[in-house]
Amino acid sequence: LGQVLLNVVLNAVQAFPSGPSTQNCVRVLGRVGSGGLVLCVEDNGPGIAPEHLERVFEPFFTTKDDGTGLGLAICRELVTRAHGTIVAQNLPKGGSRFEITVPIAK
């Protein structure tokens, strides 16, 4: 779970426009829901292009010049192996949100 969070947070930070900005924000939120532990990573960056939204978890799909396209694919695999889900979406006011849900061990 740590690797998943690290990757999603780093992706959010890397999506911000170049240069320092005090307006950039990444939030990590957690709660217990009916499906288990829900972790959300939200940012106020440019969001994900609509044509890329359905592909972000595909192996080797990347929009970065130096990316491998494996980070989010590995995240999905790790979350799936934990019997959870990971979903990407754009926020109405801009930015993106990744929601990770994993069951809580009894």
C-alpha atoms as a PDB file:
ATOM      1  CA  LEU A   1       0.000   0.000   0.000  1.00  0.00           C
ATOM      2  CA  GLY A   2       2.919   2.323   0.719  1.00  0.00           C
ATOM      3  CA  GLN A   3       4.323   1.772  -2.764  1.00  0.00           C
ATOM      4  CA  VAL A   4       0.921   2.509  -4.307  1.00  0.00           C
ATOM      5  CA  LEU A   5       0.491   5.748  -2.360  1.00  0.00           C
ATOM      6  CA  LEU A   6       4.043   6.864  -3.112  1.00  0.00           C
ATOM      7  CA  ASN A   7       3.577   6.306  -6.847  1.00  0.00           C
ATOM      8  CA  VAL A   8       0.217   8.078  -7.024  1.00  0.00           C
ATOM      9  CA  VAL A   9       1.475  11.061  -4.986  1.00  0.00           C
ATOM     10  CA  LEU A  10       4.643  11.357  -7.110  1.00  0.00           C
ATOM     11  CA  ASN A  11       2.558  11.247 -10.291  1.00  0.00           C
ATOM     12  CA  ALA A  12       0.407  14.072  -8.945  1.00  0.00           C
ATOM     13  CA  VAL A  13       3.451  16.181  -8.096  1.00  0.00           C
ATOM     14  CA  GLN A  14       5.045  15.519 -11.490  1.00  0.00           C
ATOM     15  CA  ALA A  15       1.854  16.590 -13.297  1.00  0.00           C
ATOM     16  CA  PHE A  16       2.076  20.150 -11.988  1.00  0.00           C
ATOM     17  CA  PRO A  17       3.444  22.757 -14.408  1.00  0.00           C
ATOM     18  CA  SER A  18       7.182  23.403 -14.132  1.00  0.00           C
ATOM     19  CA  GLY A  19       8.457  25.940 -11.643  1.00  0.00           C
ATOM     20  CA  PRO A  20       7.688  26.637  -8.012  1.00  0.00           C
ATOM     21  CA  SER A  21       4.134  27.414  -7.039  1.00  0.00           C
ATOM     22  CA  THR A  22       2.492  27.952  -3.707  1.00  0.00           C
ATOM     23  CA  GLN A  23      -0.844  27.057  -5.328  1.00  0.00           C
ATOM     24  CA  ASN A  24       0.015  23.372  -6.000  1.00  0.00           C
ATOM     25  CA  CYS A  25      -1.776  21.037  -3.611  1.00  0.00           C
ATOM     26  CA  VAL A  26      -1.842  17.260  -3.160  1.00  0.00           C
ATOM     27  CA  ARG A  27      -4.111  15.843  -0.454  1.00  0.00           C
ATOM     28  CA  VAL A  28      -4.204  12.305   0.902  1.00  0.00           C
ATOM     29  CA  LEU A  29      -7.445  11.449   2.633  1.00  0.00           C
ATOM     30  CA  GLY A  30      -8.410   8.248   4.397  1.00  0.00           C
ATOM     31  CA  ARG A  31     -11.615   6.832   5.817  1.00  0.00           C
ATOM     32  CA  VAL A  32     -13.251   3.542   6.603  1.00  0.00           C
ATOM     33  CA  GLY A  33     -16.088   2.792   4.192  1.00  0.00           C
ATOM     34  CA  SER A  34     -18.419  -0.123   3.617  1.00  0.00           C
ATOM     35  CA  GLY A  35     -15.887  -1.652   1.209  1.00  0.00           C
ATOM     36  CA  GLY A  36     -12.958  -1.309   3.611  1.00  0.00           C
ATOM     37  CA  LEU A  37     -10.217   1.279   3.879  1.00  0.00           C
ATOM     38  CA  VAL A  38     -10.624   4.065   1.321  1.00  0.00           C
ATOM     39  CA  LEU A  39      -7.604   6.230   0.483  1.00  0.00           C
ATOM     40  CA  CYS A  40      -7.950   9.187  -1.860  1.00  0.00           C
ATOM     41  CA  VAL A  41      -5.148  11.171  -3.451  1.00  0.00           C
ATOM     42  CA  GLU A  42      -6.408  14.445  -4.883  1.00  0.00           C
ATOM     43  CA  ASP A  43      -4.545  17.260  -6.596  1.00  0.00           C
ATOM     44  CA  ASN A  44      -5.372  20.602  -8.145  1.00  0.00           C
ATOM     45  CA  GLY A  45      -3.163  20.053 -11.186  1.00  0.00           C
ATOM     46  CA  PRO A  46      -4.206  19.944 -14.831  1.00  0.00           C
ATOM     47  CA  GLY A  47      -6.123  16.689 -14.488  1.00  0.00           C
ATOM     48  CA  ILE A  48      -6.011  13.748 -16.874  1.00  0.00           C
ATOM     49  CA  ALA A  49      -6.901  14.251 -20.524  1.00  0.00           C
ATOM     50  CA  PRO A  50     -10.302  12.616 -21.117  1.00  0.00           C
ATOM     51  CA  GLU A  51      -8.896  10.402 -23.877  1.00  0.00           C
ATOM     52  CA  HIS A  52      -6.226   9.114 -21.453  1.00  0.00           C
ATOM     53  CA  LEU A  53      -8.449   8.525 -18.426  1.00  0.00           C
ATOM     54  CA  GLU A  54      -9.465   4.983 -19.401  1.00  0.00           C
ATOM     55  CA  ARG A  55      -5.863   4.031 -20.244  1.00  0.00           C
ATOM     56  CA  VAL A  56      -3.855   5.265 -17.248  1.00  0.00           C
ATOM     57  CA  PHE A  57      -3.611   1.767 -15.720  1.00  0.00           C
ATOM     58  CA  GLU A  58      -2.565   0.030 -18.969  1.00  0.00           C
ATOM     59  CA  PRO A  59       0.998  -1.320 -18.938  1.00  0.00           C
ATOM     60  CA  PHE A  60       3.375   0.848 -20.990  1.00  0.00           C
ATOM     61  CA  PHE A  61       0.870   3.678 -21.471  1.00  0.00           C
ATOM     62  CA  THR A  62       2.512   6.978 -20.557  1.00  0.00           C
ATOM     63  CA  THR A  63       2.266  10.650 -21.387  1.00  0.00           C
ATOM     64  CA  LYS A  64       5.664  11.435 -19.861  1.00  0.00           C
ATOM     65  CA  ASP A  65       8.715  11.867 -22.078  1.00  0.00           C
ATOM     66  CA  ASP A  66      10.809   9.795 -19.680  1.00  0.00           C
ATOM     67  CA  GLY A  67       8.076   7.510 -18.325  1.00  0.00           C
ATOM     68  CA  THR A  68       7.861   3.733 -18.664  1.00  0.00           C
ATOM     69  CA  GLY A  69       4.109   3.447 -18.245  1.00  0.00           C
ATOM     70  CA  LEU A  70       4.523   0.831 -15.540  1.00  0.00           C
ATOM     71  CA  GLY A  71       3.897   2.784 -12.331  1.00  0.00           C
ATOM     72  CA  LEU A  72       0.107   2.862 -12.354  1.00  0.00           C
ATOM     73  CA  ALA A  73      -0.100  -0.595 -13.941  1.00  0.00           C
ATOM     74  CA  ILE A  74       1.907  -1.962 -11.005  1.00  0.00           C
ATOM     75  CA  CYS A  75      -0.303  -0.007  -8.585  1.00  0.00           C
ATOM     76  CA  ARG A  76      -3.412  -1.606 -10.056  1.00  0.00           C
ATOM     77  CA  GLU A  77      -1.829  -5.057  -9.836  1.00  0.00           C
ATOM     78  CA  LEU A  78      -0.846  -4.574  -6.180  1.00  0.00           C
ATOM     79  CA  VAL A  79      -4.284  -3.259  -5.223  1.00  0.00           C
ATOM     80  CA  THR A  80      -6.018  -6.060  -7.134  1.00  0.00           C
ATOM     81  CA  ARG A  81      -3.869  -8.679  -5.366  1.00  0.00           C
ATOM     82  CA  ALA A  82      -5.041  -7.155  -2.076  1.00  0.00           C
ATOM     83  CA  HIS A  83      -8.642  -7.694  -3.292  1.00  0.00           C
ATOM     84  CA  GLY A  84      -9.132  -3.964  -3.704  1.00  0.00           C
ATOM     85  CA  THR A  85      -9.844  -1.416  -6.398  1.00  0.00           C
ATOM     86  CA  ILE A  86      -8.172   1.723  -7.716  1.00  0.00           C
ATOM     87  CA  VAL A  87     -10.041   4.274  -9.792  1.00  0.00           C
ATOM     88  CA  ALA A  88      -8.869   7.474 -11.494  1.00  0.00           C
ATOM     89  CA  GLN A  89     -11.132  10.419 -12.202  1.00  0.00           C
ATOM     90  CA  ASN A  90     -10.999  14.117 -12.906  1.00  0.00           C
ATOM     91  CA  LEU A  91     -12.414  16.514 -10.351  1.00  0.00           C
ATOM     92  CA  PRO A  92     -15.135  18.975 -11.438  1.00  0.00           C
ATOM     93  CA  LYS A  93     -13.058  22.035 -10.478  1.00  0.00           C
ATOM     94  CA  GLY A  94      -9.840  20.690 -12.031  1.00  0.00           C
ATOM     95  CA  GLY A  95      -7.215  18.258 -10.893  1.00  0.00           C
ATOM     96  CA  SER A  96      -7.530  14.530 -10.476  1.00  0.00           C
ATOM     97  CA  ARG A  97      -8.434  11.990  -7.844  1.00  0.00           C
ATOM     98  CA  PHE A  98      -7.262   8.434  -7.345  1.00  0.00           C
ATOM     99  CA  GLU A  99      -9.444   6.387  -5.020  1.00  0.00           C
ATOM    100  CA  ILE A 100      -7.976   3.196  -3.569  1.00  0.00           C
ATOM    101  CA  THR A 101     -10.201   0.804  -1.632  1.00  0.00           C
ATOM    102  CA  VAL A 102      -8.856  -2.279   0.129  1.00  0.00           C
ATOM    103  CA  PRO A 103     -10.614  -4.621   2.514  1.00  0.00           C
ATOM    104  CA  ILE A 104      -9.704  -4.423   6.164  1.00  0.00           C
ATOM    105  CA  ALA A 105      -8.225  -7.609   7.620  1.00  0.00           C
ATOM    106  CA  LYS A 106     -10.294  -9.163  10.367  1.00  0.00           C
END
